[in-house]
Amino acid sequence: MRWSTTSCGTGSWCCGRRCRLNWSSAPVPRSRRRCSRSVAVRFPSETDPGDAGWHADSSYNGPDGGLWLNVASNGRGLLCLFLFSDVTADDAPTEIKVGSHLDLPRVLEPAGATGMSGFALSPLLPKATFERRSVFATGNAGDVFDCHPFLVHRATWPHRGVAPRLLAQPGVGLHEPFRLTGTEPYPVERVIRQALGR
């Protein structure tokens, strides 16, 4: 398995030393587990699948029972894209907006710790988010893209390849939300603070 640890075109970063991410074998309480346990399978088709909208992945249950996200990225340390099949430009790869993770903190900050639903977030994003350069998650089966949890991305179509495309995007869990103040911020925290002008 090849790991690609990147913030998708805005400079490399990784977890490194003392990290808040849940890479250890220490169990995360069931109430804090918010990872996708599914594999998205996209079959070759010219038909709009109806789920190809721009979004940032939500990570915890909000007050309405839906999935929400907040500026401290409660419950999600990274967005990981696991390719379980070879993915070329013809295979409906995930499209990612380079640098979009710098737009979300300013939109999420007024909502505080409560946060907001992904549905409420999307229309609040600035037009500039969608004008950013796009990159596509293409690669070989077994490749994994580790991305900032606030990257705006979407499924694409049509799928003009010859075989089903298999992908999973579980969130990497957190032992606690990222800190927006204090010293020695971790890489994801540092980027959130930078976006907030701190």
Protein backbone atom coordinates (compact mmCIF):
# COMPACT_ATOMS: atom_id res chain seq x y z
CA MET A 1 0.00 0.00 0.00
CA ARG A 2 1.43 3.38 -0.97
CA TRP A 3 0.51 6.33 1.25
CA SER A 4 0.33 9.81 -0.22
CA THR A 5 0.36 12.28 2.65
CA THR A 6 -0.45 15.66 1.19
CA SER A 7 -2.71 18.63 1.56
CA CYS A 8 -3.46 18.31 -2.14
CA GLY A 9 -1.17 20.85 -3.70
CA THR A 10 -0.63 23.34 -0.89
CA GLY A 11 2.45 21.84 0.72
CA SER A 12 3.15 18.55 2.41
CA TRP A 13 2.40 17.73 6.00
CA CYS A 14 2.09 14.64 8.10
CA CYS A 15 1.25 13.71 11.65
CA GLY A 16 4.73 12.92 12.88
CA ARG A 17 5.57 13.05 16.59
CA ARG A 18 3.03 13.33 19.44
CA CYS A 19 -0.15 13.34 17.43
CA ARG A 20 -3.80 13.74 18.36
CA LEU A 21 -4.85 11.38 15.58
CA ASN A 22 -6.03 7.93 16.50
CA TRP A 23 -3.16 5.90 14.98
CA SER A 24 -2.60 3.99 18.21
CA SER A 25 -4.24 0.76 19.27
CA ALA A 26 -6.01 2.58 22.12
CA PRO A 27 -9.75 2.21 21.52
CA VAL A 28 -11.87 5.24 20.77
CA PRO A 29 -15.20 5.11 22.65
CA ARG A 30 -18.08 3.90 20.46
CA SER A 31 -19.79 7.29 20.81
CA ARG A 32 -16.72 8.95 19.20
CA ARG A 33 -16.42 6.55 16.24
CA ARG A 34 -17.68 8.35 13.18
CA CYS A 35 -15.92 6.60 10.31
CA SER A 36 -17.56 5.44 7.14
CA ARG A 37 -17.72 1.68 7.01
CA SER A 38 -18.75 1.51 3.38
CA VAL A 39 -17.07 1.22 0.02
CA ALA A 40 -18.44 3.41 -2.76
CA VAL A 41 -18.76 1.41 -5.96
CA ARG A 42 -19.33 3.32 -9.18
CA PHE A 43 -20.17 1.26 -12.28
CA PRO A 44 -19.44 2.45 -15.81
CA SER A 45 -22.36 4.69 -16.83
CA GLU A 46 -23.16 7.95 -18.57
CA THR A 47 -26.08 8.57 -16.20
CA ASP A 48 -25.83 11.25 -13.51
CA PRO A 49 -25.66 9.33 -10.20
CA GLY A 50 -27.34 12.20 -8.33
CA ASP A 51 -24.68 12.34 -5.62
CA ALA A 52 -21.91 14.33 -7.30
CA GLY A 53 -22.27 17.57 -5.30
CA TRP A 54 -19.45 19.56 -3.74
CA HIS A 55 -19.05 18.98 0.00
CA ALA A 56 -16.70 18.59 2.95
CA ASP A 57 -17.22 15.42 4.94
CA SER A 58 -19.20 15.74 8.15
CA SER A 59 -18.03 13.77 11.15
CA TYR A 60 -20.41 13.68 14.12
CA ASN A 61 -24.12 13.50 14.89
CA GLY A 62 -25.65 16.96 15.16
CA PRO A 63 -28.73 18.08 17.10
CA ASP A 64 -31.01 17.10 14.22
CA GLY A 65 -29.54 13.57 14.07
CA GLY A 66 -27.76 14.32 10.79
CA LEU A 67 -24.02 14.48 10.23
CA TRP A 68 -22.39 17.80 11.16
CA LEU A 69 -18.93 19.38 11.25
CA ASN A 70 -17.35 22.23 13.20
CA VAL A 71 -14.26 24.42 13.06
CA ALA A 72 -12.35 22.12 15.46
CA SER A 73 -13.04 19.17 13.12
CA ASN A 74 -14.68 17.24 15.94
CA GLY A 75 -14.36 13.51 15.24
CA ARG A 76 -12.28 13.72 12.04
CA GLY A 77 -8.49 14.12 11.96
CA LEU A 78 -7.99 13.48 8.26
CA LEU A 79 -9.95 12.71 5.14
CA CYS A 80 -8.51 9.54 3.63
CA LEU A 81 -9.31 8.35 0.12
CA PHE A 82 -8.60 4.62 -0.21
CA LEU A 83 -8.50 3.37 -3.79
CA PHE A 84 -9.55 -0.28 -3.94
CA SER A 85 -9.37 -0.36 -7.73
CA ASP A 86 -7.20 1.36 -10.30
CA VAL A 87 -8.68 4.82 -10.96
CA THR A 88 -7.90 6.76 -14.13
CA ALA A 89 -9.41 9.99 -15.44
CA ASP A 90 -12.04 7.82 -17.19
CA ASP A 91 -13.13 6.04 -13.99
CA ALA A 92 -15.06 8.91 -12.31
CA PRO A 93 -12.30 9.91 -9.87
CA THR A 94 -12.95 12.12 -6.85
CA GLU A 95 -12.44 15.79 -7.73
CA ILE A 96 -10.75 17.93 -5.07
CA LYS A 97 -10.53 21.72 -4.86
CA VAL A 98 -6.90 22.61 -4.08
CA GLY A 99 -6.66 24.90 -1.06
CA SER A 100 -10.37 24.73 -0.25
CA HIS A 101 -9.53 23.62 3.29
CA LEU A 102 -8.48 27.23 3.91
CA ASP A 103 -12.01 28.49 3.13
CA LEU A 104 -14.01 26.31 5.53
CA PRO A 105 -12.70 27.50 8.92
CA ARG A 106 -13.97 31.07 8.38
CA VAL A 107 -17.41 29.74 7.43
CA LEU A 108 -17.54 27.26 10.32
CA GLU A 109 -16.14 29.52 13.08
CA PRO A 110 -19.38 31.51 13.73
CA ALA A 111 -21.20 28.21 14.39
CA GLY A 112 -18.84 27.46 17.31
CA ALA A 113 -18.55 24.03 18.87
CA THR A 114 -22.06 23.10 17.78
CA GLY A 115 -21.08 23.43 14.12
CA MET A 116 -23.48 22.91 11.25
CA SER A 117 -24.71 20.27 8.88
CA GLY A 118 -22.91 19.66 5.64
CA PHE A 119 -26.11 20.68 3.82
CA ALA A 120 -26.07 24.06 5.58
CA LEU A 121 -22.36 24.56 4.92
CA SER A 122 -22.23 24.14 1.15
CA PRO A 123 -24.30 27.23 0.20
CA LEU A 124 -22.26 29.38 2.61
CA LEU A 125 -18.93 28.66 0.94
CA PRO A 126 -17.51 31.58 -1.03
CA LYS A 127 -17.67 31.49 -4.82
CA ALA A 128 -13.86 31.50 -4.85
CA THR A 129 -13.88 27.98 -3.33
CA PHE A 130 -15.39 26.57 -6.49
CA GLU A 131 -13.06 28.59 -8.73
CA ARG A 132 -9.99 26.97 -7.19
CA ARG A 133 -7.90 24.58 -9.27
CA SER A 134 -9.12 20.99 -9.30
CA VAL A 135 -7.07 17.82 -8.90
CA PHE A 136 -8.35 14.28 -9.27
CA ALA A 137 -7.70 11.30 -6.99
CA THR A 138 -6.34 8.92 -9.60
CA GLY A 139 -3.96 6.07 -8.91
CA ASN A 140 -3.53 2.37 -8.43
CA ALA A 141 -5.49 -0.01 -6.26
CA GLY A 142 -3.98 0.26 -2.79
CA ASP A 143 -3.11 3.96 -3.01
CA VAL A 144 -4.31 6.11 -0.12
CA PHE A 145 -4.59 9.90 -0.16
CA ASP A 146 -4.36 11.50 3.31
CA CYS A 147 -5.95 14.95 3.10
CA HIS A 148 -6.91 17.82 5.37
CA PRO A 149 -10.41 17.05 6.74
CA PHE A 150 -11.85 20.32 5.35
CA LEU A 151 -11.03 19.73 1.69
CA VAL A 152 -14.02 20.33 -0.56
CA HIS A 153 -14.49 17.44 -2.96
CA ARG A 154 -17.10 15.62 -5.01
CA ALA A 155 -17.79 12.44 -6.87
CA THR A 156 -17.57 12.82 -10.63
CA TRP A 157 -19.33 11.33 -13.60
CA PRO A 158 -19.69 9.94 -16.16
CA HIS A 159 -17.73 6.75 -15.52
CA ARG A 160 -16.35 5.89 -18.96
CA GLY A 161 -13.96 3.20 -17.78
CA VAL A 162 -14.41 -0.53 -18.30
CA ALA A 163 -14.55 -1.77 -14.69
CA PRO A 164 -16.25 -0.72 -11.44
CA ARG A 165 -14.43 1.94 -9.40
CA LEU A 166 -14.09 1.09 -5.70
CA LEU A 167 -13.25 3.77 -3.14
CA ALA A 168 -13.65 4.31 0.60
CA GLN A 169 -13.14 7.56 2.49
CA PRO A 170 -13.19 6.89 6.20
CA GLY A 171 -12.25 9.69 8.54
CA VAL A 172 -9.28 9.18 10.81
CA GLY A 173 -10.67 9.52 14.32
CA LEU A 174 -9.54 12.00 16.95
CA HIS A 175 -9.10 11.46 20.67
CA GLU A 176 -10.26 15.07 21.12
CA PRO A 177 -11.12 17.99 18.81
CA PHE A 178 -8.32 20.09 17.38
CA ARG A 179 -7.26 23.07 19.50
CA LEU A 180 -7.63 26.54 18.00
CA THR A 181 -5.42 28.18 20.64
CA GLY A 182 -2.33 27.23 22.62
CA THR A 183 1.24 26.38 21.75
CA GLU A 184 2.77 23.69 19.56
CA PRO A 185 -0.17 23.11 17.23
CA TYR A 186 -0.30 19.92 15.23
CA PRO A 187 -0.20 20.21 11.42
CA VAL A 188 -3.98 20.14 10.84
CA GLU A 189 -4.50 22.59 13.74
CA ARG A 190 -1.83 24.90 12.32
CA VAL A 191 -3.62 25.09 8.95
CA ILE A 192 -7.00 25.80 10.61
CA ARG A 193 -5.43 28.58 12.68
CA GLN A 194 -3.72 30.01 9.59
CA ALA A 195 -7.07 30.12 7.78
CA LEU A 196 -8.57 31.99 10.77
CA GLY A 197 -5.70 34.49 10.83
CA ARG A 198 -4.37 33.34 14.20
